[in-house]
N, C-alpha and C. Protein backbone atom coordinates (compact mmCIF):
# COMPACT_ATOMS: atom_id res chain seq x y z
N UNK A 1 85.35 106.87 105.22
CA UNK A 1 84.76 107.53 104.06
C UNK A 1 84.09 106.48 103.18
N UNK A 2 82.92 106.77 102.71
CA UNK A 2 82.25 105.89 101.78
C UNK A 2 82.23 106.54 100.40
N UNK A 3 81.95 105.77 99.40
CA UNK A 3 81.93 106.27 98.03
C UNK A 3 80.72 105.72 97.31
N UNK A 4 80.16 106.52 96.41
CA UNK A 4 79.04 106.05 95.61
C UNK A 4 79.52 105.46 94.28
N UNK A 5 80.83 105.49 94.04
CA UNK A 5 81.37 104.96 92.79
C UNK A 5 81.23 103.45 92.79
N UNK A 6 80.73 102.90 91.69
CA UNK A 6 80.44 101.47 91.67
C UNK A 6 81.09 100.72 90.52
N UNK A 7 82.02 101.33 89.81
CA UNK A 7 82.63 100.69 88.65
C UNK A 7 83.18 99.31 88.93
N UNK A 8 83.80 99.13 90.10
CA UNK A 8 84.41 97.84 90.43
C UNK A 8 83.37 96.74 90.67
N UNK A 9 82.15 97.11 90.98
CA UNK A 9 81.12 96.11 91.28
C UNK A 9 80.63 95.38 90.04
N UNK A 10 80.97 95.89 88.86
CA UNK A 10 80.47 95.28 87.63
C UNK A 10 81.45 94.27 87.04
N UNK A 11 82.58 94.04 87.73
CA UNK A 11 83.55 93.02 87.31
C UNK A 11 83.88 93.09 85.83
N UNK A 12 84.12 94.30 85.36
CA UNK A 12 84.56 94.49 83.98
C UNK A 12 83.45 94.54 82.95
N UNK A 13 82.18 94.40 83.35
CA UNK A 13 81.06 94.42 82.41
C UNK A 13 80.72 95.86 82.06
N UNK A 14 81.17 96.32 80.89
CA UNK A 14 81.00 97.71 80.47
C UNK A 14 79.54 98.08 80.27
N UNK A 15 78.75 97.16 79.75
CA UNK A 15 77.34 97.47 79.50
C UNK A 15 76.62 97.82 80.79
N UNK A 16 76.94 97.14 81.87
CA UNK A 16 76.33 97.44 83.17
C UNK A 16 76.95 98.69 83.78
N UNK A 17 78.27 98.83 83.70
CA UNK A 17 78.96 99.95 84.33
C UNK A 17 78.56 101.30 83.75
N UNK A 18 78.40 101.38 82.44
CA UNK A 18 78.14 102.69 81.83
C UNK A 18 76.75 103.22 82.16
N UNK A 19 75.83 102.36 82.58
CA UNK A 19 74.48 102.81 82.92
C UNK A 19 74.47 103.77 84.11
N UNK A 20 75.36 103.57 85.07
CA UNK A 20 75.38 104.42 86.26
C UNK A 20 76.65 105.26 86.36
N UNK A 21 77.44 105.31 85.30
CA UNK A 21 78.73 106.00 85.34
C UNK A 21 78.59 107.52 85.43
N UNK A 22 79.33 108.09 86.38
CA UNK A 22 79.48 109.53 86.51
C UNK A 22 80.98 109.79 86.51
N UNK A 23 81.51 110.56 85.53
CA UNK A 23 82.96 110.78 85.46
C UNK A 23 83.51 111.38 86.76
N UNK A 24 84.67 110.87 87.18
CA UNK A 24 85.28 111.37 88.42
C UNK A 24 86.41 112.36 88.17
N UNK A 25 87.03 112.32 87.00
CA UNK A 25 88.13 113.22 86.66
C UNK A 25 87.88 113.77 85.25
N UNK A 26 86.76 114.49 85.05
CA UNK A 26 86.35 114.89 83.70
C UNK A 26 87.32 115.81 82.98
N UNK A 27 88.19 116.49 83.70
CA UNK A 27 89.16 117.38 83.05
C UNK A 27 90.44 116.67 82.64
N UNK A 28 90.65 115.45 83.14
CA UNK A 28 91.92 114.78 82.87
C UNK A 28 91.80 113.46 82.11
N UNK A 29 90.71 112.72 82.32
CA UNK A 29 90.58 111.45 81.61
C UNK A 29 89.13 111.15 81.27
N UNK A 30 88.96 110.32 80.25
CA UNK A 30 87.62 109.92 79.81
C UNK A 30 87.59 108.41 79.64
N UNK A 31 86.54 107.80 80.14
CA UNK A 31 86.38 106.35 79.99
C UNK A 31 85.71 106.07 78.65
N UNK A 32 86.29 105.14 77.92
CA UNK A 32 85.73 104.66 76.66
C UNK A 32 85.17 103.27 76.93
N UNK A 33 83.87 103.18 77.03
CA UNK A 33 83.23 101.89 77.32
C UNK A 33 83.15 101.06 76.05
N UNK A 34 83.58 99.81 76.15
CA UNK A 34 83.56 98.87 75.04
C UNK A 34 82.77 97.63 75.46
N UNK A 35 82.00 97.08 74.56
CA UNK A 35 81.21 95.88 74.87
C UNK A 35 82.13 94.74 75.30
N UNK A 36 81.59 93.88 76.13
CA UNK A 36 82.35 92.74 76.62
C UNK A 36 82.98 93.06 77.96
N UNK A 37 83.53 92.04 78.58
CA UNK A 37 84.16 92.19 79.89
C UNK A 37 85.61 92.63 79.77
N UNK A 38 85.99 93.61 80.57
CA UNK A 38 87.37 94.11 80.69
C UNK A 38 87.91 94.68 79.38
N UNK A 39 87.05 95.27 78.55
CA UNK A 39 87.49 95.86 77.29
C UNK A 39 87.50 97.38 77.31
N UNK A 40 86.95 97.99 78.34
CA UNK A 40 86.91 99.45 78.42
C UNK A 40 88.28 99.99 78.78
N UNK A 41 88.48 101.29 78.53
CA UNK A 41 89.78 101.90 78.79
C UNK A 41 89.61 103.40 79.01
N UNK A 42 90.67 104.05 79.45
CA UNK A 42 90.65 105.49 79.70
C UNK A 42 91.64 106.18 78.78
N UNK A 43 91.26 107.39 78.32
CA UNK A 43 92.15 108.20 77.49
C UNK A 43 92.37 109.55 78.16
N UNK A 44 93.49 110.17 77.84
CA UNK A 44 93.83 111.49 78.39
C UNK A 44 92.96 112.55 77.74
N UNK A 45 92.40 113.44 78.55
CA UNK A 45 91.61 114.56 78.03
C UNK A 45 92.48 115.76 77.69
N UNK A 46 93.74 115.72 78.12
CA UNK A 46 94.69 116.79 77.80
C UNK A 46 96.09 116.20 77.83
N UNK A 47 97.06 116.98 77.39
CA UNK A 47 98.45 116.51 77.39
C UNK A 47 99.05 116.61 78.80
N UNK A 48 99.97 115.69 79.08
CA UNK A 48 100.73 115.69 80.33
C UNK A 48 102.19 115.49 80.00
N UNK A 49 103.06 116.15 80.74
CA UNK A 49 104.49 115.93 80.61
C UNK A 49 104.91 114.88 81.62
N UNK A 50 105.99 114.19 81.32
CA UNK A 50 106.52 113.19 82.26
C UNK A 50 106.70 113.85 83.62
N UNK A 51 106.18 113.19 84.67
CA UNK A 51 106.28 113.70 86.03
C UNK A 51 105.08 114.50 86.50
N UNK A 52 104.19 114.89 85.58
CA UNK A 52 102.98 115.62 85.98
C UNK A 52 102.07 114.73 86.81
N UNK A 53 101.43 115.33 87.81
CA UNK A 53 100.40 114.62 88.56
C UNK A 53 99.12 114.66 87.74
N UNK A 54 98.59 113.51 87.43
CA UNK A 54 97.36 113.40 86.64
C UNK A 54 96.14 113.51 87.54
N UNK A 55 96.26 113.02 88.76
CA UNK A 55 95.17 113.10 89.72
C UNK A 55 95.51 112.40 91.01
N UNK A 56 94.66 112.61 92.00
CA UNK A 56 94.84 111.97 93.30
C UNK A 56 93.80 110.86 93.46
N UNK A 57 93.97 110.09 94.50
CA UNK A 57 93.04 109.01 94.81
C UNK A 57 92.16 109.42 95.99
N UNK A 58 91.71 110.67 95.98
CA UNK A 58 90.95 111.21 97.10
C UNK A 58 89.69 110.41 97.42
N UNK A 59 89.08 109.79 96.42
CA UNK A 59 87.85 109.02 96.64
C UNK A 59 88.11 107.58 97.07
N UNK A 60 89.35 107.17 97.10
CA UNK A 60 89.68 105.78 97.43
C UNK A 60 89.31 105.45 98.88
N UNK A 61 88.97 104.20 99.09
CA UNK A 61 88.64 103.72 100.43
C UNK A 61 89.38 102.41 100.68
N UNK A 62 89.73 102.17 101.93
CA UNK A 62 90.37 100.91 102.28
C UNK A 62 89.36 99.77 102.14
N UNK A 63 89.86 98.61 101.76
CA UNK A 63 89.00 97.45 101.59
C UNK A 63 89.68 96.20 102.15
N UNK A 64 88.87 95.32 102.71
CA UNK A 64 89.37 94.02 103.16
C UNK A 64 89.28 92.98 102.06
N UNK A 65 88.58 93.33 100.97
CA UNK A 65 88.38 92.41 99.85
C UNK A 65 89.40 92.69 98.76
N UNK A 66 90.26 91.73 98.51
CA UNK A 66 91.24 91.86 97.43
C UNK A 66 90.57 91.38 96.16
N UNK A 67 90.55 92.23 95.14
CA UNK A 67 89.91 91.88 93.88
C UNK A 67 90.68 92.52 92.74
N UNK A 68 90.23 92.28 91.51
CA UNK A 68 90.91 92.81 90.33
C UNK A 68 91.02 94.33 90.38
N UNK A 69 90.09 94.99 91.04
CA UNK A 69 90.03 96.44 91.04
C UNK A 69 90.75 97.10 92.20
N UNK A 70 91.19 96.32 93.19
CA UNK A 70 91.85 96.93 94.35
C UNK A 70 93.34 97.13 94.06
N UNK A 71 93.91 98.08 94.78
CA UNK A 71 95.33 98.40 94.64
C UNK A 71 95.99 98.20 95.99
N UNK A 72 97.09 97.46 96.00
CA UNK A 72 97.83 97.23 97.24
C UNK A 72 98.65 98.48 97.54
N UNK A 73 98.49 99.03 98.76
CA UNK A 73 99.19 100.26 99.14
C UNK A 73 100.17 100.07 100.29
N UNK A 74 100.14 98.92 100.92
CA UNK A 74 101.06 98.57 102.00
C UNK A 74 101.10 97.05 102.07
N UNK A 75 101.96 96.53 102.93
CA UNK A 75 102.13 95.08 103.01
C UNK A 75 100.80 94.34 103.13
N UNK A 76 99.90 94.83 103.97
CA UNK A 76 98.61 94.17 104.17
C UNK A 76 97.42 95.11 104.01
N UNK A 77 97.55 96.13 103.15
CA UNK A 77 96.46 97.09 102.94
C UNK A 77 96.17 97.25 101.46
N UNK A 78 94.87 97.30 101.15
CA UNK A 78 94.41 97.53 99.78
C UNK A 78 93.37 98.65 99.79
N UNK A 79 93.25 99.33 98.65
CA UNK A 79 92.21 100.33 98.47
C UNK A 79 91.40 100.01 97.22
N UNK A 80 90.16 100.45 97.22
CA UNK A 80 89.36 100.52 96.00
C UNK A 80 89.53 101.95 95.51
N UNK A 81 89.86 102.13 94.26
CA UNK A 81 90.11 103.47 93.71
C UNK A 81 88.85 104.33 93.72
N UNK A 82 87.69 103.73 93.51
CA UNK A 82 86.42 104.46 93.49
C UNK A 82 86.46 105.65 92.53
N UNK A 83 87.12 105.46 91.41
CA UNK A 83 87.24 106.54 90.43
C UNK A 83 87.51 105.95 89.06
N UNK A 84 87.56 106.83 88.08
CA UNK A 84 87.82 106.39 86.71
C UNK A 84 89.24 105.88 86.50
N UNK A 85 90.11 106.01 87.49
CA UNK A 85 91.44 105.38 87.39
C UNK A 85 91.30 103.86 87.30
N UNK A 86 90.16 103.32 87.69
CA UNK A 86 89.87 101.90 87.54
C UNK A 86 90.03 101.45 86.09
N UNK A 87 89.80 102.35 85.14
CA UNK A 87 89.81 101.99 83.73
C UNK A 87 91.16 102.15 83.05
N UNK A 88 92.22 102.42 83.82
CA UNK A 88 93.56 102.37 83.25
C UNK A 88 93.93 100.91 83.13
N UNK A 89 94.24 100.48 81.95
CA UNK A 89 94.57 99.09 81.71
C UNK A 89 96.06 98.85 81.87
N UNK A 90 96.43 97.60 81.97
CA UNK A 90 97.82 97.20 82.15
C UNK A 90 98.63 97.36 80.87
N UNK A 91 99.88 97.77 81.04
CA UNK A 91 100.89 97.69 79.98
C UNK A 91 102.23 97.47 80.66
N UNK A 92 103.10 96.71 80.04
CA UNK A 92 104.46 96.53 80.57
C UNK A 92 105.32 97.74 80.23
N UNK A 93 104.78 98.67 79.44
CA UNK A 93 105.42 99.96 79.13
C UNK A 93 104.39 101.04 79.47
N UNK A 94 104.14 101.28 80.77
CA UNK A 94 103.03 102.12 81.20
C UNK A 94 103.24 103.61 80.96
N UNK A 95 102.13 104.32 80.75
CA UNK A 95 102.18 105.77 80.62
C UNK A 95 101.97 106.45 81.97
N UNK A 96 101.47 105.71 82.97
CA UNK A 96 101.14 106.27 84.28
C UNK A 96 101.69 105.37 85.38
N UNK A 97 102.18 105.99 86.45
CA UNK A 97 102.57 105.27 87.66
C UNK A 97 101.60 105.64 88.77
N UNK A 98 101.20 104.68 89.58
CA UNK A 98 100.42 104.94 90.77
C UNK A 98 101.41 105.00 91.93
N UNK A 99 101.61 106.18 92.48
CA UNK A 99 102.56 106.36 93.58
C UNK A 99 101.81 106.33 94.89
N UNK A 100 101.87 105.20 95.57
CA UNK A 100 101.21 105.06 96.86
C UNK A 100 102.22 105.16 98.00
N UNK A 101 103.45 105.53 97.66
CA UNK A 101 104.47 105.80 98.67
C UNK A 101 104.49 107.28 99.02
N UNK A 102 103.64 108.06 98.36
CA UNK A 102 103.67 109.51 98.50
C UNK A 102 102.92 110.01 99.72
N UNK A 103 102.30 109.13 100.49
CA UNK A 103 101.56 109.55 101.66
C UNK A 103 101.12 108.37 102.49
N UNK A 104 100.31 108.67 103.49
CA UNK A 104 99.82 107.62 104.38
C UNK A 104 98.32 107.41 104.27
N UNK A 105 97.64 108.27 103.52
CA UNK A 105 96.20 108.16 103.32
C UNK A 105 95.90 108.17 101.82
N UNK A 106 94.80 107.55 101.40
CA UNK A 106 94.48 107.52 99.97
C UNK A 106 94.45 108.89 99.31
N UNK A 107 94.02 109.92 100.03
CA UNK A 107 93.97 111.26 99.44
C UNK A 107 95.35 111.80 99.09
N UNK A 108 96.40 111.18 99.62
CA UNK A 108 97.78 111.60 99.35
C UNK A 108 98.44 110.77 98.25
N UNK A 109 97.79 109.71 97.80
CA UNK A 109 98.33 108.87 96.73
C UNK A 109 98.03 109.54 95.39
N UNK A 110 98.94 109.40 94.43
CA UNK A 110 98.78 110.12 93.16
C UNK A 110 99.07 109.23 91.95
N UNK A 111 98.47 109.62 90.84
CA UNK A 111 98.78 109.04 89.54
C UNK A 111 99.68 110.05 88.84
N UNK A 112 100.86 109.58 88.38
CA UNK A 112 101.87 110.45 87.79
C UNK A 112 102.19 109.98 86.38
N UNK A 113 102.36 110.94 85.47
CA UNK A 113 102.74 110.59 84.10
C UNK A 113 104.13 109.98 84.10
N UNK A 114 104.26 108.78 83.57
CA UNK A 114 105.53 108.07 83.48
C UNK A 114 106.31 108.48 82.24
N UNK A 115 105.63 109.15 81.32
CA UNK A 115 106.21 109.62 80.07
C UNK A 115 105.33 110.75 79.57
N UNK A 116 105.74 111.44 78.53
CA UNK A 116 104.87 112.46 77.94
C UNK A 116 103.63 111.78 77.37
N UNK A 117 102.48 112.38 77.63
CA UNK A 117 101.19 111.83 77.20
C UNK A 117 100.47 112.90 76.39
N UNK A 118 100.01 112.54 75.21
CA UNK A 118 99.25 113.47 74.36
C UNK A 118 97.76 113.33 74.64
N UNK A 119 97.01 114.39 74.36
CA UNK A 119 95.56 114.32 74.46
C UNK A 119 95.06 113.18 73.57
N UNK A 120 94.20 112.34 74.12
CA UNK A 120 93.66 111.21 73.37
C UNK A 120 94.43 109.92 73.54
N UNK A 121 95.64 109.97 74.12
CA UNK A 121 96.41 108.74 74.35
C UNK A 121 95.69 107.84 75.35
N UNK A 122 95.77 106.54 75.11
CA UNK A 122 95.25 105.57 76.08
C UNK A 122 96.16 105.59 77.30
N UNK A 123 95.56 105.66 78.48
CA UNK A 123 96.31 105.68 79.73
C UNK A 123 96.47 104.25 80.25
N UNK A 124 97.70 103.90 80.58
CA UNK A 124 98.00 102.55 81.07
C UNK A 124 98.89 102.64 82.30
N UNK A 125 98.91 101.59 83.08
CA UNK A 125 99.84 101.47 84.20
C UNK A 125 100.31 100.04 84.25
N UNK A 126 101.40 99.82 84.95
CA UNK A 126 101.92 98.46 85.06
C UNK A 126 101.45 97.89 86.37
N UNK A 127 100.68 96.87 86.29
CA UNK A 127 100.16 96.26 87.50
C UNK A 127 101.28 95.71 88.36
N UNK A 128 102.42 95.58 87.79
CA UNK A 128 103.57 95.20 88.60
C UNK A 128 103.96 96.38 89.45
N UNK A 129 103.78 97.53 88.89
CA UNK A 129 104.22 98.77 89.52
C UNK A 129 103.26 99.25 90.54
N UNK A 130 102.23 99.87 90.06
CA UNK A 130 101.36 100.46 91.01
C UNK A 130 99.96 100.31 90.56
N UNK A 131 96.83 99.13 88.85
CA UNK A 131 95.76 99.26 89.14
C UNK A 131 95.21 98.23 89.04
N UNK A 132 96.50 99.06 89.15
CA UNK A 132 95.16 99.18 88.87
C UNK A 132 94.56 98.07 88.29
N UNK A 133 95.67 97.61 87.21
CA UNK A 133 95.75 97.47 86.82
C UNK A 133 96.55 96.67 86.85
N UNK A 134 97.26 97.39 88.61
CA UNK A 134 98.06 97.28 88.15
C UNK A 134 99.07 96.72 88.49
N UNK A 135 101.26 93.26 89.17
CA UNK A 135 101.74 94.56 89.14
C UNK A 135 102.88 94.76 90.09
N UNK A 136 104.02 94.89 89.51
CA UNK A 136 105.16 95.00 90.40
C UNK A 136 105.15 96.28 91.18
N UNK A 137 104.55 97.32 90.65
CA UNK A 137 104.58 98.61 91.32
C UNK A 137 103.82 98.59 92.63
N UNK A 138 102.63 97.99 92.63
CA UNK A 138 101.82 97.99 93.85
C UNK A 138 101.42 96.59 94.32
N UNK A 139 101.42 95.63 93.43
CA UNK A 139 100.85 94.33 93.79
C UNK A 139 101.92 93.26 94.03
N UNK A 140 101.88 92.66 95.20
CA UNK A 140 102.80 91.59 95.55
C UNK A 140 102.37 90.28 94.90
N UNK A 141 101.11 89.91 95.11
CA UNK A 141 100.57 88.68 94.52
C UNK A 141 99.14 88.98 94.09
N UNK A 142 98.89 88.93 92.80
CA UNK A 142 97.60 89.35 92.28
C UNK A 142 96.49 88.35 92.54
N UNK A 143 95.32 88.88 92.85
CA UNK A 143 94.14 88.06 93.07
C UNK A 143 93.63 87.48 91.76
N UNK A 144 93.86 88.20 90.66
CA UNK A 144 93.37 87.75 89.35
C UNK A 144 94.51 87.87 88.33
N UNK A 145 95.46 86.92 88.32
CA UNK A 145 96.56 86.96 87.34
C UNK A 145 96.01 86.89 85.92
N UNK A 146 96.83 87.34 84.95
CA UNK A 146 96.38 87.31 83.56
C UNK A 146 97.58 87.24 82.63
N UNK A 147 97.31 86.84 81.40
CA UNK A 147 98.33 86.82 80.36
C UNK A 147 98.32 88.16 79.65
N UNK A 148 99.44 88.86 79.69
CA UNK A 148 99.53 90.19 79.09
C UNK A 148 99.61 90.08 77.57
N UNK A 149 98.92 90.99 76.92
CA UNK A 149 98.97 91.07 75.45
C UNK A 149 99.31 92.49 75.02
N UNK A 150 100.07 93.22 75.86
CA UNK A 150 100.34 94.64 75.58
C UNK A 150 101.21 94.84 74.34
N UNK A 151 102.03 93.86 74.00
CA UNK A 151 102.88 93.98 72.82
C UNK A 151 104.14 94.80 73.02
N UNK A 152 104.39 95.26 74.24
CA UNK A 152 105.60 96.04 74.50
C UNK A 152 106.84 95.17 74.35
N UNK A 153 107.94 95.78 73.95
CA UNK A 153 109.20 95.05 73.77
C UNK A 153 109.58 94.31 75.05
N UNK A 154 109.34 94.94 76.19
CA UNK A 154 109.70 94.36 77.48
C UNK A 154 108.53 93.64 78.16
N UNK A 155 107.57 93.16 77.37
CA UNK A 155 106.39 92.50 77.92
C UNK A 155 106.81 91.34 78.84
N UNK A 156 106.18 91.28 79.99
CA UNK A 156 106.51 90.27 80.99
C UNK A 156 105.72 88.97 80.84
N UNK A 157 104.76 88.94 79.92
CA UNK A 157 103.98 87.71 79.70
C UNK A 157 102.91 87.51 80.73
N UNK A 158 103.05 86.52 81.59
CA UNK A 158 102.07 86.23 82.63
C UNK A 158 102.25 87.22 83.77
N UNK A 159 101.18 87.95 84.12
CA UNK A 159 101.23 88.96 85.17
C UNK A 159 100.61 88.37 86.43
N UNK A 160 101.47 88.19 87.46
CA UNK A 160 101.02 87.58 88.71
C UNK A 160 101.35 88.42 89.93
N UNK A 161 102.24 89.41 89.78
CA UNK A 161 102.65 90.25 90.90
C UNK A 161 104.16 90.22 91.07
N UNK A 162 104.66 91.18 91.85
CA UNK A 162 106.10 91.34 92.05
C UNK A 162 106.75 90.13 92.71
N UNK A 163 106.00 89.40 93.49
CA UNK A 163 106.53 88.21 94.18
C UNK A 163 107.17 87.24 93.20
N UNK A 164 106.66 87.19 91.98
CA UNK A 164 107.09 86.20 91.00
C UNK A 164 108.13 86.73 90.02
N UNK A 165 108.64 87.93 90.25
CA UNK A 165 109.64 88.52 89.36
C UNK A 165 110.99 88.59 90.04
N UNK A 166 112.03 88.51 89.25
CA UNK A 166 113.38 88.64 89.78
C UNK A 166 113.71 90.12 89.98
N UNK A 167 114.76 90.38 90.75
CA UNK A 167 115.22 91.76 90.93
C UNK A 167 115.54 92.39 89.58
N UNK A 168 116.13 91.61 88.69
CA UNK A 168 116.50 92.11 87.36
C UNK A 168 115.25 92.50 86.56
N UNK A 169 114.21 91.69 86.64
CA UNK A 169 112.97 92.00 85.92
C UNK A 169 112.29 93.26 86.48
N UNK A 170 112.47 93.52 87.76
CA UNK A 170 111.85 94.69 88.39
C UNK A 170 112.60 95.99 88.13
N UNK A 171 113.88 95.91 87.80
CA UNK A 171 114.72 97.10 87.67
C UNK A 171 114.15 98.23 86.81
N UNK A 172 113.56 97.96 85.65
CA UNK A 172 113.09 99.06 84.80
C UNK A 172 111.86 99.80 85.34
N UNK A 173 111.23 99.29 86.38
CA UNK A 173 109.94 99.80 86.81
C UNK A 173 110.00 100.65 88.06
N UNK A 174 109.02 101.56 88.16
CA UNK A 174 108.76 102.30 89.39
C UNK A 174 108.18 101.30 90.38
N UNK A 175 108.76 101.21 91.56
CA UNK A 175 108.29 100.26 92.57
C UNK A 175 107.99 101.01 93.86
N UNK A 176 106.82 100.80 94.42
CA UNK A 176 106.44 101.43 95.68
C UNK A 176 107.17 100.78 96.85
N UNK A 177 107.27 101.52 97.95
CA UNK A 177 108.04 101.10 99.12
C UNK A 177 107.63 99.77 99.71
N UNK A 178 106.34 99.48 99.79
CA UNK A 178 105.91 98.21 100.41
C UNK A 178 106.34 97.02 99.57
N UNK A 179 106.43 97.18 98.25
CA UNK A 179 106.89 96.08 97.40
C UNK A 179 108.40 95.90 97.57
N UNK A 180 109.13 97.00 97.67
CA UNK A 180 110.58 96.91 97.92
C UNK A 180 110.83 96.16 99.23
N UNK A 181 110.04 96.49 100.25
CA UNK A 181 110.20 95.82 101.54
C UNK A 181 109.91 94.32 101.42
N UNK A 182 108.80 93.97 100.79
CA UNK A 182 108.45 92.55 100.65
C UNK A 182 109.51 91.79 99.85
N UNK A 183 110.08 92.43 98.83
CA UNK A 183 111.14 91.78 98.04
C UNK A 183 112.37 91.54 98.91
N UNK A 184 112.67 92.49 99.80
CA UNK A 184 113.88 92.38 100.62
C UNK A 184 113.80 91.24 101.64
N UNK A 185 112.59 90.82 101.99
CA UNK A 185 112.44 89.74 102.96
C UNK A 185 111.98 88.43 102.31
N UNK A 186 111.90 88.40 101.01
CA UNK A 186 111.44 87.21 100.30
C UNK A 186 112.48 86.12 100.34
């Protein structure tokens, strides 16, 4: 499957990305483009209760290129989201989990509310967990580590991937099966 979504090709440059942007989940989230690199974000277009499915990754495609925008879905597999889920930013106290243990194909992977979300809330995920963003949930070793500034009480500081966290540090988070497996053989 190919996709015409190109958000990841702009490497966080909102001014370039918004020129060709077509919303992929217009009923559930909205991208707020901000000037500068990696400053854009997504907000909820409606309320969600904890556990609600916010959307699927039906447009996602497998990629051999590991980059800031790819999500690890298995020990040696990554996907490009090819959707506005790309704009969920990292938080150590995420509002959304990317569950890639829910199936074997990208169309079966889902974004789930990790807590109650109000309309207009900024949507975040933990790159430890599962994007995106995001990351003990989905990412073993990140291609583009960063210093977190989320301000959450449980902020992990430097975000490099689950490989660099202790079992104790991972306990509070939703962790996908491939990360659990990699931790067990580390």
